[in-house]
Amino acid sequence: QVQLVESGGGLVQAGGSLRLSCAASGRTFSDLVMGWFRQVPGKEREFVAAIRRNSAITYYAESVKGRFTISRDNAKNTVYLQMNSLKPEDTAVYYCAATANSPLVRVTIDSNYAYWGQGTQVTVSS
């Protein structure tokens, strides 16, 4: 079992930045693929970014590419999402997710993740 705890959400003006953190426990962190998803009420959860265990392989949704950066610190069992140039349409609850690393895992699909955090609200005002 893996426990995930997100932090770092909040209210920011458009153009501003936030950094989300997700602390993991319960399993060897370096064995996990880590992802970030977001959801707006009434809409489906959407993929934001993901990172393989060696940090060399990252994935981004087109809508955040060039603005968001995912990273991980395996020594601290933590994954980060640095969000720059935020837009009002980035407003959502952001979820951290984890699953066992496998080259076959399609990291952009939420149903492929076994573990989820409770979510943290990000609100971008215009």
Foldseek 3Di string as FASTA:
>chain_A
DKAKAKDWADEEAAQAKIKMKIAMDDDQLLQKKKFKWWDDPPDDIFGAKIAHSVRPDMDGDPVQPPFWDWGDDSVRRMIMIIGGRDDQVVWTWMKMFIDGDDPPQPVRDPVSTDDIYPTDTHGYHD
